[in-house]
Amino acid sequence: QVQLVESGGGLVQPGGSLRLSCAASGSIFSIYAMGWYRQAPGKQRELVATITRGGSINYVDSVKGRFTISRDNAKNTVYLQMNSLKPEDTAVYYCNAAGAGGREDWGQGTQVTVSS
């Protein structure tokens, strides 16, 4: 089992920036990809960005050019740098770890609110 702890959410004005962090512990050897998802009120959870063990990165179209996913293997931590934030980025952001056999682990979520 993998434990994920997110941090870095908060309130920011449109055009501002935030960096989310996700620290992994436990059976981290089993992880082949990590990513960030988000869920806005009344909407389904959606993929934001993923990064595989091999370094392949994928973004949802709506955040391309504004968000950057990265990782620090020494710290077992994945980051999501969010720039040029928009009100429509407001959501609870969840860290995800995908492992062997279709296993998925989730963090508790961190709220991001973009508002003036």
N, C-alpha and C. Protein backbone atom coordinates (compact mmCIF):
# COMPACT_ATOMS: atom_id res chain seq x y z
N GLN A 1 0.84 -1.19 0.00
CA GLN A 1 0.00 0.00 0.00
C GLN A 1 0.88 1.24 0.00
N VAL A 2 0.39 2.27 -0.67
CA VAL A 2 1.12 3.53 -0.77
C VAL A 2 0.31 4.61 -0.04
N GLN A 3 1.00 5.38 0.77
CA GLN A 3 0.36 6.52 1.45
C GLN A 3 0.81 7.80 0.74
N LEU A 4 -0.16 8.68 0.52
CA LEU A 4 0.10 9.93 -0.19
C LEU A 4 -0.38 11.10 0.66
N VAL A 5 0.46 12.10 0.82
CA VAL A 5 0.10 13.28 1.60
C VAL A 5 0.33 14.51 0.73
N GLU A 6 -0.76 15.23 0.47
CA GLU A 6 -0.68 16.43 -0.37
C GLU A 6 -0.54 17.68 0.50
N SER A 7 0.02 18.70 -0.08
CA SER A 7 0.09 20.00 0.56
C SER A 7 0.23 21.07 -0.51
N GLY A 8 -0.01 22.32 -0.11
CA GLY A 8 0.23 23.43 -1.02
C GLY A 8 -0.99 24.12 -1.58
N GLY A 9 -2.18 23.63 -1.28
CA GLY A 9 -3.38 24.29 -1.78
C GLY A 9 -3.63 25.61 -1.08
N GLY A 10 -4.65 26.32 -1.54
CA GLY A 10 -4.99 27.58 -0.90
C GLY A 10 -5.81 28.46 -1.81
N LEU A 11 -5.92 29.74 -1.41
CA LEU A 11 -6.66 30.74 -2.15
C LEU A 11 -5.68 31.63 -2.90
N VAL A 12 -5.94 31.84 -4.17
CA VAL A 12 -5.06 32.67 -4.99
C VAL A 12 -5.91 33.47 -5.96
N GLN A 13 -5.43 34.64 -6.34
CA GLN A 13 -6.14 35.46 -7.30
C GLN A 13 -5.92 34.95 -8.72
N PRO A 14 -6.85 35.24 -9.62
CA PRO A 14 -6.63 34.86 -11.02
C PRO A 14 -5.30 35.39 -11.54
N GLY A 15 -4.60 34.55 -12.28
CA GLY A 15 -3.27 34.91 -12.77
C GLY A 15 -2.15 34.53 -11.83
N GLY A 16 -2.48 34.11 -10.63
CA GLY A 16 -1.47 33.76 -9.64
C GLY A 16 -0.96 32.34 -9.82
N SER A 17 -0.10 31.95 -8.86
CA SER A 17 0.54 30.64 -8.93
C SER A 17 0.45 29.90 -7.60
N LEU A 18 0.47 28.60 -7.67
CA LEU A 18 0.55 27.73 -6.51
C LEU A 18 1.37 26.51 -6.89
N ARG A 19 2.02 25.91 -5.91
CA ARG A 19 2.71 24.64 -6.12
C ARG A 19 2.17 23.62 -5.15
N LEU A 20 1.67 22.53 -5.70
CA LEU A 20 1.20 21.41 -4.89
C LEU A 20 2.31 20.37 -4.76
N SER A 21 2.36 19.74 -3.59
CA SER A 21 3.32 18.67 -3.35
C SER A 21 2.58 17.42 -2.92
N CYS A 22 3.14 16.28 -3.28
CA CYS A 22 2.58 15.00 -2.89
C CYS A 22 3.72 14.08 -2.48
N ALA A 23 3.79 13.79 -1.20
CA ALA A 23 4.84 12.91 -0.67
C ALA A 23 4.32 11.49 -0.54
N ALA A 24 5.04 10.55 -1.12
CA ALA A 24 4.65 9.15 -1.10
C ALA A 24 5.48 8.37 -0.10
N SER A 25 4.84 7.40 0.55
CA SER A 25 5.55 6.50 1.45
C SER A 25 4.89 5.12 1.37
N GLY A 26 5.55 4.14 1.97
CA GLY A 26 5.02 2.78 1.91
C GLY A 26 5.64 2.02 0.76
N SER A 27 4.83 1.31 0.01
CA SER A 27 5.32 0.44 -1.07
C SER A 27 5.59 1.22 -2.34
N ILE A 28 6.48 2.19 -2.24
CA ILE A 28 6.71 3.08 -3.37
C ILE A 28 7.39 2.37 -4.53
N PHE A 29 8.02 1.22 -4.27
CA PHE A 29 8.67 0.48 -5.34
C PHE A 29 7.66 -0.03 -6.36
N SER A 30 6.39 -0.12 -5.92
CA SER A 30 5.35 -0.67 -6.79
C SER A 30 4.72 0.38 -7.70
N ILE A 31 5.07 1.65 -7.52
CA ILE A 31 4.45 2.73 -8.29
C ILE A 31 5.07 2.80 -9.68
N TYR A 32 4.24 2.82 -10.72
CA TYR A 32 4.78 3.06 -12.06
C TYR A 32 4.36 4.41 -12.62
N ALA A 33 3.39 5.06 -12.00
CA ALA A 33 2.99 6.39 -12.45
C ALA A 33 2.35 7.14 -11.30
N MET A 34 2.56 8.44 -11.27
CA MET A 34 1.87 9.29 -10.31
C MET A 34 1.24 10.44 -11.05
N GLY A 35 0.20 10.98 -10.46
CA GLY A 35 -0.48 12.06 -11.15
C GLY A 35 -1.34 12.89 -10.23
N TRP A 36 -1.88 13.92 -10.82
CA TRP A 36 -2.80 14.82 -10.14
C TRP A 36 -4.15 14.80 -10.86
N TYR A 37 -5.19 14.70 -10.07
CA TYR A 37 -6.56 14.79 -10.55
C TYR A 37 -7.23 15.94 -9.81
N ARG A 38 -8.36 16.39 -10.33
CA ARG A 38 -9.10 17.43 -9.62
C ARG A 38 -10.60 17.19 -9.78
N GLN A 39 -11.33 17.68 -8.80
CA GLN A 39 -12.78 17.56 -8.83
C GLN A 39 -13.40 18.86 -8.36
N ALA A 40 -14.12 19.48 -9.27
CA ALA A 40 -14.84 20.71 -8.94
C ALA A 40 -16.25 20.35 -8.47
N PRO A 41 -16.89 21.24 -7.73
CA PRO A 41 -18.25 20.96 -7.24
C PRO A 41 -19.20 20.62 -8.38
N GLY A 42 -19.91 19.52 -8.23
CA GLY A 42 -20.89 19.12 -9.23
C GLY A 42 -20.31 18.49 -10.48
N LYS A 43 -19.01 18.28 -10.50
CA LYS A 43 -18.36 17.71 -11.69
C LYS A 43 -17.64 16.41 -11.33
N GLN A 44 -17.35 15.63 -12.36
CA GLN A 44 -16.59 14.40 -12.16
C GLN A 44 -15.11 14.71 -11.96
N ARG A 45 -14.44 13.80 -11.28
CA ARG A 45 -13.00 13.94 -11.11
C ARG A 45 -12.33 13.79 -12.47
N GLU A 46 -11.36 14.67 -12.76
CA GLU A 46 -10.68 14.62 -14.04
C GLU A 46 -9.18 14.59 -13.86
N LEU A 47 -8.53 13.95 -14.84
CA LEU A 47 -7.08 13.91 -14.85
C LEU A 47 -6.53 15.30 -15.16
N VAL A 48 -5.51 15.70 -14.43
CA VAL A 48 -4.82 16.96 -14.71
C VAL A 48 -3.46 16.70 -15.36
N ALA A 49 -2.65 15.86 -14.72
CA ALA A 49 -1.32 15.57 -15.24
C ALA A 49 -0.80 14.28 -14.64
N THR A 50 0.00 13.56 -15.41
CA THR A 50 0.63 12.34 -14.91
C THR A 50 2.09 12.30 -15.32
N ILE A 51 2.87 11.56 -14.53
CA ILE A 51 4.27 11.33 -14.85
C ILE A 51 4.58 9.88 -14.51
N THR A 52 5.18 9.17 -15.47
CA THR A 52 5.47 7.77 -15.26
C THR A 52 6.87 7.58 -14.66
N ARG A 53 7.15 6.35 -14.25
CA ARG A 53 8.47 6.03 -13.72
C ARG A 53 9.55 6.34 -14.74
N GLY A 54 9.21 6.17 -16.01
CA GLY A 54 10.19 6.43 -17.06
C GLY A 54 10.29 7.89 -17.45
N GLY A 55 9.44 8.73 -16.86
CA GLY A 55 9.53 10.16 -17.12
C GLY A 55 8.56 10.69 -18.16
N SER A 56 7.69 9.83 -18.69
CA SER A 56 6.70 10.32 -19.65
C SER A 56 5.66 11.15 -18.93
N ILE A 57 5.29 12.26 -19.55
CA ILE A 57 4.38 13.23 -18.94
C ILE A 57 3.18 13.46 -19.84
N ASN A 58 2.04 13.63 -19.21
CA ASN A 58 0.80 13.87 -19.94
C ASN A 58 0.00 14.93 -19.20
N TYR A 59 -0.62 15.85 -19.95
CA TYR A 59 -1.47 16.90 -19.37
C TYR A 59 -2.83 16.91 -20.04
N VAL A 60 -3.84 17.31 -19.30
CA VAL A 60 -5.13 17.59 -19.91
C VAL A 60 -4.96 18.90 -20.70
N ASP A 61 -5.68 19.02 -21.81
CA ASP A 61 -5.48 20.17 -22.69
C ASP A 61 -5.66 21.51 -21.99
N SER A 62 -6.58 21.57 -21.05
CA SER A 62 -6.92 22.85 -20.42
C SER A 62 -5.80 23.43 -19.56
N VAL A 63 -4.79 22.63 -19.22
CA VAL A 63 -3.71 23.14 -18.36
C VAL A 63 -2.37 23.19 -19.09
N LYS A 64 -2.33 22.72 -20.32
CA LYS A 64 -1.06 22.73 -21.06
C LYS A 64 -0.53 24.15 -21.20
N GLY A 65 0.77 24.30 -20.94
CA GLY A 65 1.40 25.61 -21.00
C GLY A 65 1.28 26.41 -19.72
N ARG A 66 0.45 25.95 -18.78
CA ARG A 66 0.28 26.66 -17.51
C ARG A 66 0.75 25.83 -16.32
N PHE A 67 0.54 24.53 -16.37
CA PHE A 67 0.89 23.63 -15.26
C PHE A 67 2.10 22.79 -15.65
N THR A 68 2.91 22.47 -14.64
CA THR A 68 4.07 21.60 -14.86
C THR A 68 4.13 20.56 -13.75
N ILE A 69 4.17 19.29 -14.14
CA ILE A 69 4.34 18.21 -13.17
C ILE A 69 5.81 17.81 -13.16
N SER A 70 6.31 17.54 -11.96
CA SER A 70 7.71 17.13 -11.83
C SER A 70 7.83 16.22 -10.61
N ARG A 71 9.01 15.64 -10.45
CA ARG A 71 9.19 14.74 -9.32
C ARG A 71 10.61 14.84 -8.79
N ASP A 72 10.74 14.52 -7.51
CA ASP A 72 12.03 14.43 -6.85
C ASP A 72 12.12 13.02 -6.30
N ASN A 73 12.86 12.16 -7.00
CA ASN A 73 12.92 10.75 -6.61
C ASN A 73 13.56 10.57 -5.24
N ALA A 74 14.50 11.41 -4.91
CA ALA A 74 15.17 11.29 -3.61
C ALA A 74 14.20 11.55 -2.45
N LYS A 75 13.20 12.38 -2.71
CA LYS A 75 12.23 12.72 -1.67
C LYS A 75 10.90 11.98 -1.85
N ASN A 76 10.83 11.14 -2.89
CA ASN A 76 9.57 10.42 -3.19
C ASN A 76 8.40 11.39 -3.25
N THR A 77 8.61 12.49 -3.92
CA THR A 77 7.63 13.57 -3.96
C THR A 77 7.37 13.99 -5.40
N VAL A 78 6.11 14.23 -5.70
CA VAL A 78 5.69 14.76 -6.99
C VAL A 78 5.10 16.14 -6.76
N TYR A 79 5.39 17.04 -7.70
CA TYR A 79 4.93 18.42 -7.59
C TYR A 79 4.03 18.78 -8.77
N LEU A 80 3.17 19.75 -8.54
CA LEU A 80 2.39 20.34 -9.62
C LEU A 80 2.51 21.85 -9.48
N GLN A 81 3.30 22.43 -10.37
CA GLN A 81 3.44 23.89 -10.41
C GLN A 81 2.32 24.43 -11.27
N MET A 82 1.51 25.30 -10.71
CA MET A 82 0.35 25.84 -11.41
C MET A 82 0.52 27.35 -11.57
N ASN A 83 0.64 27.80 -12.80
CA ASN A 83 0.79 29.22 -13.09
C ASN A 83 -0.42 29.71 -13.88
N SER A 84 -0.57 31.03 -13.94
CA SER A 84 -1.66 31.65 -14.69
C SER A 84 -2.99 31.00 -14.34
N LEU A 85 -3.23 30.88 -13.05
CA LEU A 85 -4.44 30.19 -12.59
C LEU A 85 -5.70 30.95 -12.97
N LYS A 86 -6.73 30.18 -13.27
CA LYS A 86 -8.02 30.72 -13.68
C LYS A 86 -9.10 30.27 -12.69
N PRO A 87 -10.21 31.01 -12.61
CA PRO A 87 -11.28 30.57 -11.70
C PRO A 87 -11.75 29.14 -11.99
N GLU A 88 -11.70 28.73 -13.23
CA GLU A 88 -12.14 27.37 -13.58
C GLU A 88 -11.16 26.29 -13.12
N ASP A 89 -10.02 26.69 -12.58
CA ASP A 89 -9.08 25.72 -11.98
C ASP A 89 -9.48 25.40 -10.54
N THR A 90 -10.45 26.11 -10.01
CA THR A 90 -10.90 25.86 -8.64
C THR A 90 -11.43 24.44 -8.50
N ALA A 91 -10.89 23.71 -7.55
CA ALA A 91 -11.26 22.31 -7.35
C ALA A 91 -10.50 21.75 -6.16
N VAL A 92 -10.90 20.56 -5.76
CA VAL A 92 -10.06 19.79 -4.84
C VAL A 92 -9.11 18.97 -5.70
N TYR A 93 -7.83 19.08 -5.42
CA TYR A 93 -6.80 18.39 -6.19
C TYR A 93 -6.34 17.16 -5.41
N TYR A 94 -6.30 16.03 -6.10
CA TYR A 94 -5.94 14.76 -5.48
C TYR A 94 -4.69 14.20 -6.13
N CYS A 95 -3.81 13.69 -5.32
CA CYS A 95 -2.64 12.97 -5.81
C CYS A 95 -3.00 11.50 -5.98
N ASN A 96 -2.47 10.89 -7.03
CA ASN A 96 -2.77 9.49 -7.35
C ASN A 96 -1.49 8.74 -7.62
N ALA A 97 -1.43 7.50 -7.14
CA ALA A 97 -0.31 6.61 -7.45
C ALA A 97 -0.87 5.34 -8.06
N ALA A 98 -0.39 5.01 -9.24
CA ALA A 98 -0.84 3.80 -9.94
C ALA A 98 0.24 2.74 -9.85
N GLY A 99 -0.17 1.53 -9.47
CA GLY A 99 0.79 0.45 -9.30
C GLY A 99 0.42 -0.79 -10.08
N ALA A 100 1.12 -1.86 -9.78
CA ALA A 100 0.91 -3.12 -10.48
C ALA A 100 -0.49 -3.67 -10.23
N GLY A 101 -1.01 -4.38 -11.24
CA GLY A 101 -2.30 -5.02 -11.09
C GLY A 101 -3.47 -4.07 -11.04
N GLY A 102 -3.28 -2.86 -11.52
CA GLY A 102 -4.37 -1.89 -11.53
C GLY A 102 -4.62 -1.21 -10.20
N ARG A 103 -3.73 -1.42 -9.25
CA ARG A 103 -3.92 -0.79 -7.94
C ARG A 103 -3.76 0.72 -8.05
N GLU A 104 -4.61 1.46 -7.34
CA GLU A 104 -4.50 2.90 -7.27
C GLU A 104 -4.65 3.36 -5.82
N ASP A 105 -3.82 4.29 -5.43
CA ASP A 105 -3.91 4.91 -4.12
C ASP A 105 -4.12 6.40 -4.30
N TRP A 106 -4.84 7.00 -3.34
CA TRP A 106 -5.20 8.41 -3.42
C TRP A 106 -4.82 9.15 -2.16
N GLY A 107 -4.48 10.41 -2.33
CA GLY A 107 -4.29 11.28 -1.19
C GLY A 107 -5.64 11.81 -0.71
N GLN A 108 -5.58 12.62 0.35
CA GLN A 108 -6.81 13.11 0.97
C GLN A 108 -7.40 14.31 0.22
N GLY A 109 -6.61 14.91 -0.65
CA GLY A 109 -7.08 16.07 -1.41
C GLY A 109 -6.68 17.38 -0.77
N THR A 110 -6.45 18.37 -1.62
CA THR A 110 -6.14 19.72 -1.14
C THR A 110 -6.94 20.71 -1.97
N GLN A 111 -7.54 21.68 -1.30
CA GLN A 111 -8.42 22.64 -1.97
C GLN A 111 -7.60 23.74 -2.64
N VAL A 112 -7.93 24.01 -3.90
CA VAL A 112 -7.37 25.14 -4.63
C VAL A 112 -8.54 26.03 -5.04
N THR A 113 -8.49 27.28 -4.62
CA THR A 113 -9.54 28.23 -4.95
C THR A 113 -8.92 29.44 -5.65
N VAL A 114 -9.42 29.72 -6.85
CA VAL A 114 -8.92 30.85 -7.62
C VAL A 114 -10.05 31.87 -7.70
N SER A 115 -9.85 32.99 -7.01
CA SER A 115 -10.91 33.98 -6.92
C SER A 115 -10.33 35.33 -6.55
N SER A 116 -10.97 36.37 -7.06
CA SER A 116 -10.55 37.72 -6.70
C SER A 116 -11.37 38.23 -5.53
